[in-house]
Amino acid sequence: MAGAVKYTTYFETMRSRPDRREIKKEWIQRVIAGAEREEIQTDGRIRPWARIAEAEGRALRVVLLPDGETLHNRFFDRGFKP
């Protein structure tokens, strides 16, 4: 995520949700750079996951658009399985 970071409108809108406010940019960058697991959705979106030690080891899922650069969503995924 070097350089300017791109976000979808949805990403920006969800930023104000209480369960998303605590998610730090550094954590998102960490997930993208070193995912424990990654999947490609049928629509081409990329879903990397990684556990965040500072968040009690919870798994953070990030959703990127098919360009691999634009952030669409992020949340702690309670159903994460490595």
Protein backbone atom coordinates (compact mmCIF):
# COMPACT_ATOMS: atom_id res chain seq x y z
CA MET A 1 0.00 0.00 0.00
CA ALA A 2 2.75 2.42 -0.86
CA GLY A 3 1.70 5.79 -2.21
CA ALA A 4 -1.85 7.10 -2.28
CA VAL A 5 -4.42 4.72 -0.86
CA LYS A 6 -7.67 4.33 -2.78
CA TYR A 7 -11.01 3.65 -1.06
CA THR A 8 -14.50 2.91 -2.31
CA THR A 9 -17.39 5.05 -1.13
CA TYR A 10 -18.62 2.01 0.82
CA PHE A 11 -15.29 1.81 2.70
CA GLU A 12 -15.57 5.48 3.65
CA THR A 13 -19.22 5.11 4.71
CA MET A 14 -18.47 2.11 6.93
CA ARG A 15 -15.64 3.97 8.67
CA SER A 16 -18.08 5.47 11.19
CA ARG A 17 -19.46 2.13 12.41
CA PRO A 18 -18.42 1.44 16.01
CA ASP A 19 -17.10 -2.03 15.15
CA ARG A 20 -14.91 -0.62 12.35
CA ARG A 21 -13.63 2.55 14.03
CA GLU A 22 -11.04 0.64 16.05
CA ILE A 23 -9.39 -0.88 12.96
CA LYS A 24 -6.09 0.89 12.33
CA LYS A 25 -4.58 1.62 8.92
CA GLU A 26 -1.40 -0.17 9.99
CA TRP A 27 -3.40 -3.33 10.63
CA ILE A 28 -4.96 -3.15 7.17
CA GLN A 29 -1.51 -2.74 5.64
CA ARG A 30 -0.22 -5.68 7.66
CA VAL A 31 -3.04 -7.93 6.42
CA ILE A 32 -2.42 -6.98 2.79
CA ALA A 33 1.35 -7.44 3.08
CA GLY A 34 1.29 -10.72 5.02
CA ALA A 35 -2.03 -12.53 4.76
CA GLU A 36 -2.40 -15.86 6.55
CA ARG A 37 -5.06 -16.75 4.01
CA GLU A 38 -6.27 -15.17 0.78
CA GLU A 39 -9.21 -15.90 -1.52
CA ILE A 40 -10.47 -14.44 -4.76
CA GLN A 41 -14.24 -13.96 -4.90
CA THR A 42 -16.19 -14.82 -8.06
CA ASP A 43 -16.45 -11.08 -8.81
CA GLY A 44 -12.64 -10.77 -8.66
CA ARG A 45 -12.44 -9.06 -5.27
CA ILE A 46 -9.50 -10.16 -3.16
CA ARG A 47 -10.00 -11.21 0.48
CA PRO A 48 -6.86 -11.48 2.62
CA TRP A 49 -7.03 -12.35 6.34
CA ALA A 50 -4.51 -12.12 9.16
CA ARG A 51 -4.70 -12.21 12.93
CA ILE A 52 -3.97 -8.97 14.76
CA ALA A 53 -2.16 -9.52 18.06
CA GLU A 54 -3.07 -6.05 19.35
CA ALA A 55 -6.76 -6.86 18.84
CA GLU A 56 -6.73 -9.95 21.06
CA GLY A 57 -5.61 -12.10 18.13
CA ARG A 58 -8.81 -11.54 16.18
CA ALA A 59 -8.70 -12.15 12.43
CA LEU A 60 -9.03 -9.05 10.29
CA ARG A 61 -10.48 -9.53 6.81
CA VAL A 62 -9.79 -6.90 4.18
CA VAL A 63 -11.63 -6.78 0.86
CA LEU A 64 -9.84 -5.25 -2.12
CA LEU A 65 -11.28 -4.56 -5.55
CA PRO A 66 -9.88 -6.67 -8.40
CA ASP A 67 -7.18 -4.04 -9.02
CA GLY A 68 -5.56 -5.24 -5.77
CA GLU A 69 -5.18 -1.65 -4.55
CA THR A 70 -8.59 -0.17 -3.80
CA LEU A 71 -9.94 -0.90 -0.32
CA HIS A 72 -13.61 -1.85 -0.25
CA ASN A 73 -14.17 -3.27 3.24
CA ARG A 74 -12.50 -4.45 6.43
CA PHE A 75 -13.85 -6.14 9.55
CA PHE A 76 -12.97 -8.65 12.23
CA ASP A 77 -14.12 -12.01 10.94
CA ARG A 78 -15.42 -14.23 13.74
CA GLY A 79 -15.73 -17.18 11.35
CA PHE A 80 -12.09 -17.14 10.18
CA LYS A 81 -10.53 -20.55 9.61
CA PRO A 82 -6.86 -20.65 8.53
